[in-house]
Amino acid sequence: MKQLLLLRHAKSSWDDPDLLDFDRPLSGRGLRAAPLVGRELVKRGWLPDLALVSPALRTRDTWRLVSAELPAKTPAKFVQALYEASAADVLAKVRQANAATSSLLVLGHNPGLEEFARRLAGAGSDAAALKKLEEKFPTAALARFVFDGDWARLALGDARLTHCVWPKDLR
């Protein structure tokens, strides 16, 4: 069984209007939330074998803080296509994962990541998790999916959403 963890970057700062979107840092709230997500991954045993991370500053910083909480160094690939990615773009990158990878984390941005999560959830998804996901996918939100099969053949609707965790759940 494969595990796919979809994580939206933690809350970013809009304090400097001269910064490009790509270069926005995390806000104080984001700096506090990201380590909580890392601790939750450890607590639940949802440890990724590989992380695919958008190269934007806020996603890199989120990964740095999340991964610092993990018990072992998790390899990360910074993937330009995940910045401003559509749901189809995210799916395309997930499909390229090595078959030996059993647990993959994708750290990206809305609206594409949220749309991908909603469209990926298929039969057998947890009703409460699905309701949360359909309500919103806030910054530092985490959606956990499982499915049988290969990454290369993953299609929308093929995975079972088991959990949707918001940062406010972790306080």
C-alpha atoms as a PDB file:
ATOM      1  CA  MET A   1       0.000   0.000   0.000  1.00  0.00           C
ATOM      2  CA  LYS A   2       1.277   3.463  -0.941  1.00  0.00           C
ATOM      3  CA  GLN A   3       0.879   6.534   1.249  1.00  0.00           C
ATOM      4  CA  LEU A   4       0.619  10.044  -0.193  1.00  0.00           C
ATOM      5  CA  LEU A   5       0.869  13.029   2.138  1.00  0.00           C
ATOM      6  CA  LEU A   6      -0.212  16.377   0.710  1.00  0.00           C
ATOM      7  CA  LEU A   7       0.966  19.357   2.738  1.00  0.00           C
ATOM      8  CA  ARG A   8       0.203  22.981   2.017  1.00  0.00           C
ATOM      9  CA  HIS A   9       2.957  25.390   3.021  1.00  0.00           C
ATOM     10  CA  ALA A  10       2.627  27.096   6.404  1.00  0.00           C
ATOM     11  CA  LYS A  11       1.260  30.642   6.692  1.00  0.00           C
ATOM     12  CA  SER A  12       3.375  33.150   4.803  1.00  0.00           C
ATOM     13  CA  SER A  13       4.009  36.817   5.413  1.00  0.00           C
ATOM     14  CA  TRP A  14       2.670  39.637   3.270  1.00  0.00           C
ATOM     15  CA  ASP A  15       4.563  42.290   5.268  1.00  0.00           C
ATOM     16  CA  ASP A  16       6.920  43.314   2.452  1.00  0.00           C
ATOM     17  CA  PRO A  17       4.871  44.378  -0.598  1.00  0.00           C
ATOM     18  CA  ASP A  18       8.052  44.604  -2.698  1.00  0.00           C
ATOM     19  CA  LEU A  19       8.780  40.876  -2.462  1.00  0.00           C
ATOM     20  CA  LEU A  20       7.853  38.616  -5.326  1.00  0.00           C
ATOM     21  CA  ASP A  21       5.320  35.932  -4.413  1.00  0.00           C
ATOM     22  CA  PHE A  22       8.034  33.285  -4.834  1.00  0.00           C
ATOM     23  CA  ASP A  23      10.195  34.995  -2.192  1.00  0.00           C
ATOM     24  CA  ARG A  24       7.638  35.453   0.590  1.00  0.00           C
ATOM     25  CA  PRO A  25       8.861  34.054   3.949  1.00  0.00           C
ATOM     26  CA  LEU A  26       6.809  32.355   6.631  1.00  0.00           C
ATOM     27  CA  SER A  27       4.927  34.511   9.116  1.00  0.00           C
ATOM     28  CA  GLY A  28       5.250  34.023  12.860  1.00  0.00           C
ATOM     29  CA  ARG A  29       2.185  31.802  12.737  1.00  0.00           C
ATOM     30  CA  GLY A  30       3.740  29.723   9.973  1.00  0.00           C
ATOM     31  CA  LEU A  31       7.003  29.388  11.891  1.00  0.00           C
ATOM     32  CA  ARG A  32       5.036  27.986  14.834  1.00  0.00           C
ATOM     33  CA  ALA A  33       2.757  25.674  12.795  1.00  0.00           C
ATOM     34  CA  ALA A  34       5.322  23.877  10.617  1.00  0.00           C
ATOM     35  CA  PRO A  35       7.150  22.071  13.465  1.00  0.00           C
ATOM     36  CA  LEU A  36       3.775  20.943  14.822  1.00  0.00           C
ATOM     37  CA  VAL A  37       3.075  19.228  11.509  1.00  0.00           C
ATOM     38  CA  GLY A  38       6.436  17.470  11.670  1.00  0.00           C
ATOM     39  CA  ARG A  39       5.708  16.239  15.185  1.00  0.00           C
ATOM     40  CA  GLU A  40       2.296  14.997  14.047  1.00  0.00           C
ATOM     41  CA  LEU A  41       3.869  12.992  11.229  1.00  0.00           C
ATOM     42  CA  VAL A  42       6.152  11.323  13.777  1.00  0.00           C
ATOM     43  CA  LYS A  43       3.354  10.754  16.291  1.00  0.00           C
ATOM     44  CA  ARG A  44       1.180   9.032  13.686  1.00  0.00           C
ATOM     45  CA  GLY A  45       4.023   7.125  12.030  1.00  0.00           C
ATOM     46  CA  TRP A  46       3.411   8.836   8.687  1.00  0.00           C
ATOM     47  CA  LEU A  47       7.060   9.155   7.751  1.00  0.00           C
ATOM     48  CA  PRO A  48       7.798   9.955   4.109  1.00  0.00           C
ATOM     49  CA  ASP A  49      10.510   8.201   2.110  1.00  0.00           C
ATOM     50  CA  LEU A  50      10.757  11.222  -0.171  1.00  0.00           C
ATOM     51  CA  ALA A  51       9.453  14.787  -0.249  1.00  0.00           C
ATOM     52  CA  LEU A  52       8.668  16.720  -3.422  1.00  0.00           C
ATOM     53  CA  VAL A  53       8.797  20.402  -2.503  1.00  0.00           C
ATOM     54  CA  SER A  54       8.011  23.561  -4.426  1.00  0.00           C
ATOM     55  CA  PRO A  55      11.152  25.738  -4.500  1.00  0.00           C
ATOM     56  CA  ALA A  56       9.338  28.881  -3.270  1.00  0.00           C
ATOM     57  CA  LEU A  57      10.836  30.265  -0.051  1.00  0.00           C
ATOM     58  CA  ARG A  58       7.742  29.545   2.057  1.00  0.00           C
ATOM     59  CA  THR A  59       7.609  25.886   0.983  1.00  0.00           C
ATOM     60  CA  ARG A  60      11.355  25.394   1.478  1.00  0.00           C
ATOM     61  CA  ASP A  61      11.097  26.940   4.957  1.00  0.00           C
ATOM     62  CA  THR A  62       8.055  24.805   5.779  1.00  0.00           C
ATOM     63  CA  TRP A  63       9.977  21.679   4.764  1.00  0.00           C
ATOM     64  CA  ARG A  64      13.039  22.720   6.771  1.00  0.00           C
ATOM     65  CA  LEU A  65      10.905  23.063   9.928  1.00  0.00           C
ATOM     66  CA  VAL A  66       8.813  19.927   9.304  1.00  0.00           C
ATOM     67  CA  SER A  67      11.794  17.737   8.448  1.00  0.00           C
ATOM     68  CA  ALA A  68      13.743  18.922  11.506  1.00  0.00           C
ATOM     69  CA  GLU A  69      11.152  17.064  13.615  1.00  0.00           C
ATOM     70  CA  LEU A  70      11.508  13.758  11.738  1.00  0.00           C
ATOM     71  CA  PRO A  71      13.648  10.999  13.263  1.00  0.00           C
ATOM     72  CA  ALA A  72      15.742  10.492  10.120  1.00  0.00           C
ATOM     73  CA  LYS A  73      16.809  12.715   7.247  1.00  0.00           C
ATOM     74  CA  THR A  74      14.224  12.451   4.480  1.00  0.00           C
ATOM     75  CA  PRO A  75      15.457  13.173   0.957  1.00  0.00           C
ATOM     76  CA  ALA A  76      13.776  16.153  -0.684  1.00  0.00           C
ATOM     77  CA  LYS A  77      13.561  17.158  -4.327  1.00  0.00           C
ATOM     78  CA  PHE A  78      12.778  20.786  -5.072  1.00  0.00           C
ATOM     79  CA  VAL A  79      10.492  20.711  -8.094  1.00  0.00           C
ATOM     80  CA  GLN A  80       9.879  23.945 -10.011  1.00  0.00           C
ATOM     81  CA  ALA A  81       6.703  22.524 -11.577  1.00  0.00           C
ATOM     82  CA  LEU A  82       5.044  22.436  -8.126  1.00  0.00           C
ATOM     83  CA  TYR A  83       5.111  26.242  -7.907  1.00  0.00           C
ATOM     84  CA  GLU A  84       1.810  27.488  -9.366  1.00  0.00           C
ATOM     85  CA  ALA A  85       0.951  23.858 -10.207  1.00  0.00           C
ATOM     86  CA  SER A  86      -2.508  22.788 -11.296  1.00  0.00           C
ATOM     87  CA  ALA A  87      -4.062  19.563 -10.028  1.00  0.00           C
ATOM     88  CA  ALA A  88      -2.911  17.885 -13.258  1.00  0.00           C
ATOM     89  CA  ASP A  89       0.645  19.144 -12.714  1.00  0.00           C
ATOM     90  CA  VAL A  90       0.721  17.706  -9.179  1.00  0.00           C
ATOM     91  CA  LEU A  91      -0.602  14.365 -10.419  1.00  0.00           C
ATOM     92  CA  ALA A  92       2.052  14.288 -13.157  1.00  0.00           C
ATOM     93  CA  LYS A  93       4.842  14.767 -10.590  1.00  0.00           C
ATOM     94  CA  VAL A  94       3.400  12.140  -8.231  1.00  0.00           C
ATOM     95  CA  ARG A  95       3.228   9.653 -11.115  1.00  0.00           C
ATOM     96  CA  GLN A  96       6.976  10.081 -11.632  1.00  0.00           C
ATOM     97  CA  ALA A  97       7.810   8.793  -8.137  1.00  0.00           C
ATOM     98  CA  ASN A  98      10.077   5.773  -7.990  1.00  0.00           C
ATOM     99  CA  ALA A  99       8.156   2.520  -7.570  1.00  0.00           C
ATOM    100  CA  ALA A 100      10.285   1.700  -4.504  1.00  0.00           C
ATOM    101  CA  THR A 101       8.926   4.782  -2.704  1.00  0.00           C
ATOM    102  CA  SER A 102       6.124   3.688  -0.405  1.00  0.00           C
ATOM    103  CA  SER A 103       5.442   7.029   1.306  1.00  0.00           C
ATOM    104  CA  LEU A 104       5.603  10.296  -0.630  1.00  0.00           C
ATOM    105  CA  LEU A 105       5.059  13.811   0.709  1.00  0.00           C
ATOM    106  CA  VAL A 106       4.200  16.659  -1.671  1.00  0.00           C
ATOM    107  CA  LEU A 107       4.572  20.186  -0.287  1.00  0.00           C
ATOM    108  CA  GLY A 108       2.953  22.837  -2.436  1.00  0.00           C
ATOM    109  CA  HIS A 109       0.448  25.609  -2.887  1.00  0.00           C
ATOM    110  CA  ASN A 110      -3.225  26.312  -3.380  1.00  0.00           C
ATOM    111  CA  PRO A 111      -5.301  26.302  -5.425  1.00  0.00           C
ATOM    112  CA  GLY A 112      -3.697  23.373  -7.292  1.00  0.00           C
ATOM    113  CA  LEU A 113      -2.813  21.256  -4.261  1.00  0.00           C
ATOM    114  CA  GLU A 114      -6.293  21.560  -2.758  1.00  0.00           C
ATOM    115  CA  GLU A 115      -7.963  20.779  -6.077  1.00  0.00           C
ATOM    116  CA  PHE A 116      -5.715  17.732  -6.511  1.00  0.00           C
ATOM    117  CA  ALA A 117      -6.551  16.498  -3.004  1.00  0.00           C
ATOM    118  CA  ARG A 118     -10.288  16.871  -3.554  1.00  0.00           C
ATOM    119  CA  ARG A 119     -10.192  15.117  -6.908  1.00  0.00           C
ATOM    120  CA  LEU A 120      -7.901  12.326  -5.702  1.00  0.00           C
ATOM    121  CA  ALA A 121     -10.238  11.265  -2.885  1.00  0.00           C
ATOM    122  CA  GLY A 122     -12.226   8.252  -4.021  1.00  0.00           C
ATOM    123  CA  ALA A 123     -14.379   5.425  -2.701  1.00  0.00           C
ATOM    124  CA  GLY A 124     -13.777   4.458   0.899  1.00  0.00           C
ATOM    125  CA  SER A 125     -12.542   7.900   1.931  1.00  0.00           C
ATOM    126  CA  ASP A 126     -13.194   8.860   5.529  1.00  0.00           C
ATOM    127  CA  ALA A 127     -16.385  10.958   5.601  1.00  0.00           C
ATOM    128  CA  ALA A 128     -15.181  13.373   8.298  1.00  0.00           C
ATOM    129  CA  ALA A 129     -11.836  13.913   6.567  1.00  0.00           C
ATOM    130  CA  LEU A 130     -13.566  14.467   3.232  1.00  0.00           C
ATOM    131  CA  LYS A 131     -15.952  16.988   4.766  1.00  0.00           C
ATOM    132  CA  LYS A 132     -13.000  18.920   6.210  1.00  0.00           C
ATOM    133  CA  LEU A 133     -11.138  18.841   2.909  1.00  0.00           C
ATOM    134  CA  GLU A 134     -14.200  20.060   1.026  1.00  0.00           C
ATOM    135  CA  GLU A 135     -14.639  22.895   3.533  1.00  0.00           C
ATOM    136  CA  LYS A 136     -11.095  24.248   3.080  1.00  0.00           C
ATOM    137  CA  PHE A 137      -7.411  23.341   2.929  1.00  0.00           C
ATOM    138  CA  PRO A 138      -5.738  26.077   4.981  1.00  0.00           C
ATOM    139  CA  THR A 139      -2.037  26.804   5.251  1.00  0.00           C
ATOM    140  CA  ALA A 140      -0.123  23.958   6.965  1.00  0.00           C
ATOM    141  CA  ALA A 141      -3.024  21.559   6.315  1.00  0.00           C
ATOM    142  CA  LEU A 142      -2.128  17.919   5.731  1.00  0.00           C
ATOM    143  CA  ALA A 143      -4.157  15.346   3.798  1.00  0.00           C
ATOM    144  CA  ARG A 144      -3.218  11.660   4.006  1.00  0.00           C
ATOM    145  CA  PHE A 145      -4.161   9.250   1.221  1.00  0.00           C
ATOM    146  CA  VAL A 146      -3.531   5.542   0.747  1.00  0.00           C
ATOM    147  CA  PHE A 147      -3.933   3.382  -2.337  1.00  0.00           C
ATOM    148  CA  ASP A 148      -2.900   0.050  -3.780  1.00  0.00           C
ATOM    149  CA  GLY A 149      -0.931   0.102  -6.973  1.00  0.00           C
ATOM    150  CA  ASP A 150       1.858   2.022  -8.634  1.00  0.00           C
ATOM    151  CA  TRP A 151       2.546   5.745  -8.595  1.00  0.00           C
ATOM    152  CA  ALA A 152       2.739   5.711 -12.390  1.00  0.00           C
ATOM    153  CA  ARG A 153      -0.863   4.489 -12.681  1.00  0.00           C
ATOM    154  CA  LEU A 154      -2.423   6.707 -10.009  1.00  0.00           C
ATOM    155  CA  ALA A 155      -5.548   8.444 -11.313  1.00  0.00           C
ATOM    156  CA  LEU A 156      -7.924  10.972  -9.828  1.00  0.00           C
ATOM    157  CA  GLY A 157     -10.442   9.212  -7.606  1.00  0.00           C
ATOM    158  CA  ASP A 158      -8.102   6.247  -7.031  1.00  0.00           C
ATOM    159  CA  ALA A 159      -6.979   6.984  -3.470  1.00  0.00           C
ATOM    160  CA  ARG A 160      -8.665   6.791  -0.106  1.00  0.00           C
ATOM    161  CA  LEU A 161      -8.475   9.933   2.018  1.00  0.00           C
ATOM    162  CA  THR A 162      -7.901   8.740   5.577  1.00  0.00           C
ATOM    163  CA  HIS A 163      -7.169  12.005   7.396  1.00  0.00           C
ATOM    164  CA  CYS A 164      -7.301  15.753   6.922  1.00  0.00           C
ATOM    165  CA  VAL A 165      -5.372  17.581   9.638  1.00  0.00           C
ATOM    166  CA  TRP A 166      -5.476  21.340  10.108  1.00  0.00           C
ATOM    167  CA  PRO A 167      -2.868  23.219  12.140  1.00  0.00           C
ATOM    168  CA  LYS A 168      -5.514  24.253  14.671  1.00  0.00           C
ATOM    169  CA  ASP A 169      -6.025  20.523  15.387  1.00  0.00           C
ATOM    170  CA  LEU A 170      -2.418  20.361  16.589  1.00  0.00           C
ATOM    171  CA  ARG A 171      -2.433  23.090  19.229  1.00  0.00           C
END
